[in-house]
Amino acid sequence: MILWIKARRVLPVLVPCLLAFLMVITAGRQESVLLPGLISGGRNRVQLVHLAPLIVTSALTYCLNQKLAEAELTTVRRIRLLDAALSTAAVALAASVSCLIAGITHADLLYEVGRNTVFLAGVMLIAGALHPQAATLAPVAWVFTVMFAGYRDYDHPWIWAVTLHPAHIVVTASFCLVVFATGLAVGNRSPRSF
């Protein structure tokens, strides 16, 4: 177990990235920028904290890609279950911290950040099961696609742009949980994953 933690670089990579996630959502919760809309023809107001989940998903991708292939093929321990537990713990911690700070600061936007972290981690796990090198790109591509093409009108996101939906929509939160659970299930069964 200790070798697995060291091989996955949990302490030197994932823990500092979770702390960076905490600092970004605490400091940048009110910052927004206007970007050109590719579909609407107008401008899109994008909150900078919508980029914060990428810190968690990129760090998690890096940690899951750190393998000792020969040793893991001959191991008695269930490495894929440990990887799923690591993914679940990191995402749960990031979502919990963002919801805690949202409750303290009364910034509803941070509830969205927690939900988006769950969704983007699920996208990362599904992409990693299809092709390991796509795991880092998929969440980044999703965020930037949504930033530039996710609004049909000013502050009115398309239904597919789930990371832009307000925090109080239960269907979106449920969908994000389903995507994450699917990512865990697919990543645990796929021979190509990470």
Protein backbone atom coordinates (compact mmCIF):
# COMPACT_ATOMS: atom_id res chain seq x y z
CA MET A 1 0.00 0.00 0.00
CA ILE A 2 2.82 2.41 0.85
CA LEU A 3 4.53 1.57 -2.45
CA TRP A 4 1.26 2.29 -4.28
CA ILE A 5 0.94 5.70 -2.56
CA LYS A 6 4.53 6.54 -3.43
CA ALA A 7 4.19 5.27 -7.00
CA ARG A 8 1.03 7.29 -7.58
CA ARG A 9 2.74 10.37 -6.07
CA VAL A 10 -0.24 11.24 -3.93
CA LEU A 11 1.64 13.31 -1.36
CA PRO A 12 3.98 15.33 -3.61
CA VAL A 13 1.44 15.99 -6.40
CA LEU A 14 -2.20 15.49 -5.44
CA VAL A 15 -2.13 17.08 -1.99
CA PRO A 16 -0.49 20.35 -3.18
CA CYS A 17 -2.90 20.52 -6.11
CA LEU A 18 -5.86 20.14 -3.76
CA LEU A 19 -4.42 22.99 -1.68
CA ALA A 20 -4.03 25.07 -4.86
CA PHE A 21 -7.67 24.27 -5.69
CA LEU A 22 -8.65 25.53 -2.25
CA MET A 23 -6.70 28.78 -2.73
CA VAL A 24 -8.11 29.40 -6.21
CA ILE A 25 -11.74 28.95 -5.18
CA THR A 26 -11.23 31.06 -2.07
CA ALA A 27 -9.44 33.93 -3.79
CA GLY A 28 -11.16 33.94 -7.18
CA ARG A 29 -14.78 33.28 -6.31
CA GLN A 30 -15.97 36.71 -7.49
CA GLU A 31 -13.80 37.12 -10.59
CA SER A 32 -15.34 36.89 -14.04
CA VAL A 33 -14.32 37.71 -17.57
CA LEU A 34 -16.27 38.46 -20.76
CA LEU A 35 -15.39 36.19 -23.67
CA PRO A 36 -16.72 36.26 -27.21
CA GLY A 37 -19.55 33.85 -27.90
CA LEU A 38 -19.03 31.61 -30.90
CA ILE A 39 -22.69 30.59 -31.23
CA SER A 40 -24.64 33.44 -29.68
CA GLY A 41 -22.72 36.21 -31.42
CA GLY A 42 -22.66 38.16 -28.18
CA ARG A 43 -20.44 37.95 -25.15
CA ASN A 44 -20.28 35.23 -22.52
CA ARG A 45 -19.63 36.03 -18.87
CA VAL A 46 -17.38 33.29 -17.55
CA GLN A 47 -16.48 32.86 -13.91
CA LEU A 48 -12.80 32.12 -13.44
CA VAL A 49 -13.51 29.51 -10.77
CA HIS A 50 -14.99 27.34 -13.53
CA LEU A 51 -11.35 26.59 -14.36
CA ALA A 52 -10.59 25.38 -10.81
CA PRO A 53 -11.77 21.77 -11.30
CA LEU A 54 -9.08 21.39 -13.96
CA ILE A 55 -6.47 21.57 -11.19
CA VAL A 56 -7.99 18.50 -9.55
CA THR A 57 -8.60 16.53 -12.75
CA SER A 58 -5.11 17.20 -14.13
CA ALA A 59 -3.43 16.20 -10.88
CA LEU A 60 -5.59 13.09 -10.61
CA THR A 61 -4.77 12.14 -14.19
CA TYR A 62 -1.07 12.54 -13.50
CA CYS A 63 -1.30 10.40 -10.35
CA LEU A 64 -3.29 7.65 -12.07
CA ASN A 65 -0.80 7.57 -14.95
CA GLN A 66 2.12 6.90 -12.60
CA LYS A 67 2.36 3.15 -12.75
CA LEU A 68 4.80 0.41 -12.12
CA ALA A 69 3.35 -1.79 -14.85
CA GLU A 70 5.33 -4.95 -14.21
CA ALA A 71 4.82 -4.83 -10.46
CA GLU A 72 1.12 -4.06 -10.80
CA LEU A 73 0.53 -6.99 -13.14
CA THR A 74 1.90 -9.44 -10.59
CA THR A 75 0.36 -7.92 -7.49
CA VAL A 76 -2.14 -9.55 -5.20
CA ARG A 77 -3.77 -6.25 -4.29
CA ARG A 78 -6.55 -4.84 -6.39
CA ILE A 79 -4.80 -1.81 -7.84
CA ARG A 80 -7.81 -0.68 -9.88
CA LEU A 81 -9.94 -0.55 -6.74
CA LEU A 82 -7.25 1.50 -5.02
CA ASP A 83 -7.20 3.84 -8.03
CA ALA A 84 -11.00 4.15 -7.87
CA ALA A 85 -10.78 4.88 -4.14
CA LEU A 86 -8.13 7.54 -4.79
CA SER A 87 -10.30 9.15 -7.45
CA THR A 88 -13.36 9.09 -5.23
CA ALA A 89 -11.50 10.48 -2.21
CA ALA A 90 -9.87 13.32 -4.17
CA VAL A 91 -13.11 14.34 -5.88
CA ALA A 92 -15.14 14.05 -2.67
CA LEU A 93 -12.61 16.16 -0.81
CA ALA A 94 -12.55 18.85 -3.51
CA ALA A 95 -16.36 18.94 -3.74
CA SER A 96 -16.73 19.01 0.05
CA VAL A 97 -14.23 21.84 0.45
CA SER A 98 -15.91 23.92 -2.25
CA CYS A 99 -19.33 23.36 -0.66
CA LEU A 100 -17.95 24.23 2.78
CA ILE A 101 -16.45 27.48 1.51
CA ALA A 102 -19.70 28.21 -0.34
CA GLY A 103 -21.59 27.80 2.91
CA ILE A 104 -19.20 30.04 4.82
CA THR A 105 -18.95 32.80 2.21
CA HIS A 106 -22.51 32.52 0.84
CA ALA A 107 -21.13 32.23 -2.70
CA ASP A 108 -23.48 29.88 -4.55
CA LEU A 109 -21.04 29.72 -7.42
CA LEU A 110 -18.77 27.49 -5.34
CA TYR A 111 -21.50 24.85 -5.14
CA GLU A 112 -21.26 24.76 -8.92
CA VAL A 113 -17.51 24.29 -8.65
CA GLY A 114 -17.99 21.22 -6.47
CA ARG A 115 -20.56 19.77 -8.87
CA ASN A 116 -18.35 20.56 -11.86
CA THR A 117 -15.40 18.83 -10.22
CA VAL A 118 -17.47 15.66 -9.93
CA PHE A 119 -18.59 15.92 -13.56
CA LEU A 120 -15.18 16.71 -15.03
CA ALA A 121 -13.52 13.93 -13.03
CA GLY A 122 -16.09 11.54 -14.51
CA VAL A 123 -15.32 12.82 -18.00
CA MET A 124 -11.61 12.37 -17.27
CA LEU A 125 -12.11 8.77 -16.09
CA ILE A 126 -14.25 7.87 -19.11
CA ALA A 127 -11.73 9.42 -21.50
CA GLY A 128 -8.89 7.63 -19.69
CA ALA A 129 -10.67 4.32 -20.19
CA LEU A 130 -10.95 4.97 -23.92
CA HIS A 131 -7.41 6.27 -24.38
CA PRO A 132 -5.08 7.12 -21.49
CA GLN A 133 -3.64 10.21 -23.16
CA ALA A 134 -7.13 11.67 -23.68
CA ALA A 135 -7.74 11.83 -19.94
CA THR A 136 -6.08 15.21 -19.47
CA LEU A 137 -7.45 16.74 -22.65
CA ALA A 138 -11.12 15.79 -22.26
CA PRO A 139 -11.97 17.98 -19.22
CA VAL A 140 -9.96 20.90 -20.62
CA ALA A 141 -11.69 20.61 -23.98
CA TRP A 142 -15.08 20.45 -22.26
CA VAL A 143 -14.43 23.57 -20.17
CA PHE A 144 -13.19 25.65 -23.08
CA THR A 145 -15.95 24.46 -25.41
CA VAL A 146 -18.52 25.45 -22.81
CA MET A 147 -16.83 28.81 -22.25
CA PHE A 148 -16.99 29.80 -25.90
CA ALA A 149 -20.05 27.91 -27.18
CA GLY A 150 -22.07 27.06 -24.08
CA TYR A 151 -24.39 30.06 -23.98
CA ARG A 152 -27.37 30.46 -26.28
CA ASP A 153 -27.95 33.96 -24.93
CA TYR A 154 -26.31 36.14 -22.27
CA ASP A 155 -26.34 34.07 -19.04
CA HIS A 156 -28.57 31.36 -20.55
CA PRO A 157 -26.54 28.16 -21.09
CA TRP A 158 -27.50 25.38 -23.44
CA ILE A 159 -28.80 22.21 -21.81
CA TRP A 160 -25.64 20.27 -22.74
CA ALA A 161 -23.41 22.83 -21.00
CA VAL A 162 -23.92 21.29 -17.57
CA THR A 163 -20.94 23.07 -16.02
CA LEU A 164 -22.68 26.43 -16.52
CA HIS A 165 -26.02 25.49 -14.96
CA PRO A 166 -26.94 27.09 -11.63
CA ALA A 167 -26.19 25.08 -8.51
CA HIS A 168 -29.83 24.57 -7.49
CA ILE A 169 -30.77 22.36 -10.47
CA VAL A 170 -31.03 18.85 -9.05
CA VAL A 171 -31.15 17.12 -12.43
CA THR A 172 -27.76 18.54 -13.36
CA ALA A 173 -26.23 17.43 -10.06
CA SER A 174 -27.69 13.95 -10.52
CA PHE A 175 -26.33 13.78 -14.05
CA CYS A 176 -22.88 14.78 -12.80
CA LEU A 177 -22.96 11.98 -10.22
CA VAL A 178 -24.02 9.49 -12.90
CA VAL A 179 -21.12 10.59 -15.14
CA PHE A 180 -18.66 10.17 -12.26
CA ALA A 181 -20.05 6.74 -11.33
CA THR A 182 -19.87 5.70 -14.98
CA GLY A 183 -16.26 6.88 -15.11
CA LEU A 184 -15.41 4.78 -12.07
CA ALA A 185 -17.15 1.72 -13.50
CA VAL A 186 -15.67 2.06 -16.98
CA GLY A 187 -12.21 2.87 -15.67
CA ASN A 188 -12.29 -0.14 -13.38
CA ARG A 189 -13.14 -2.56 -16.20
CA SER A 190 -11.28 -1.18 -19.17
CA PRO A 191 -7.95 -2.80 -20.06
CA ARG A 192 -6.77 0.47 -21.64
CA SER A 193 -7.46 2.74 -18.68
CA PHE A 194 -4.50 4.72 -17.44
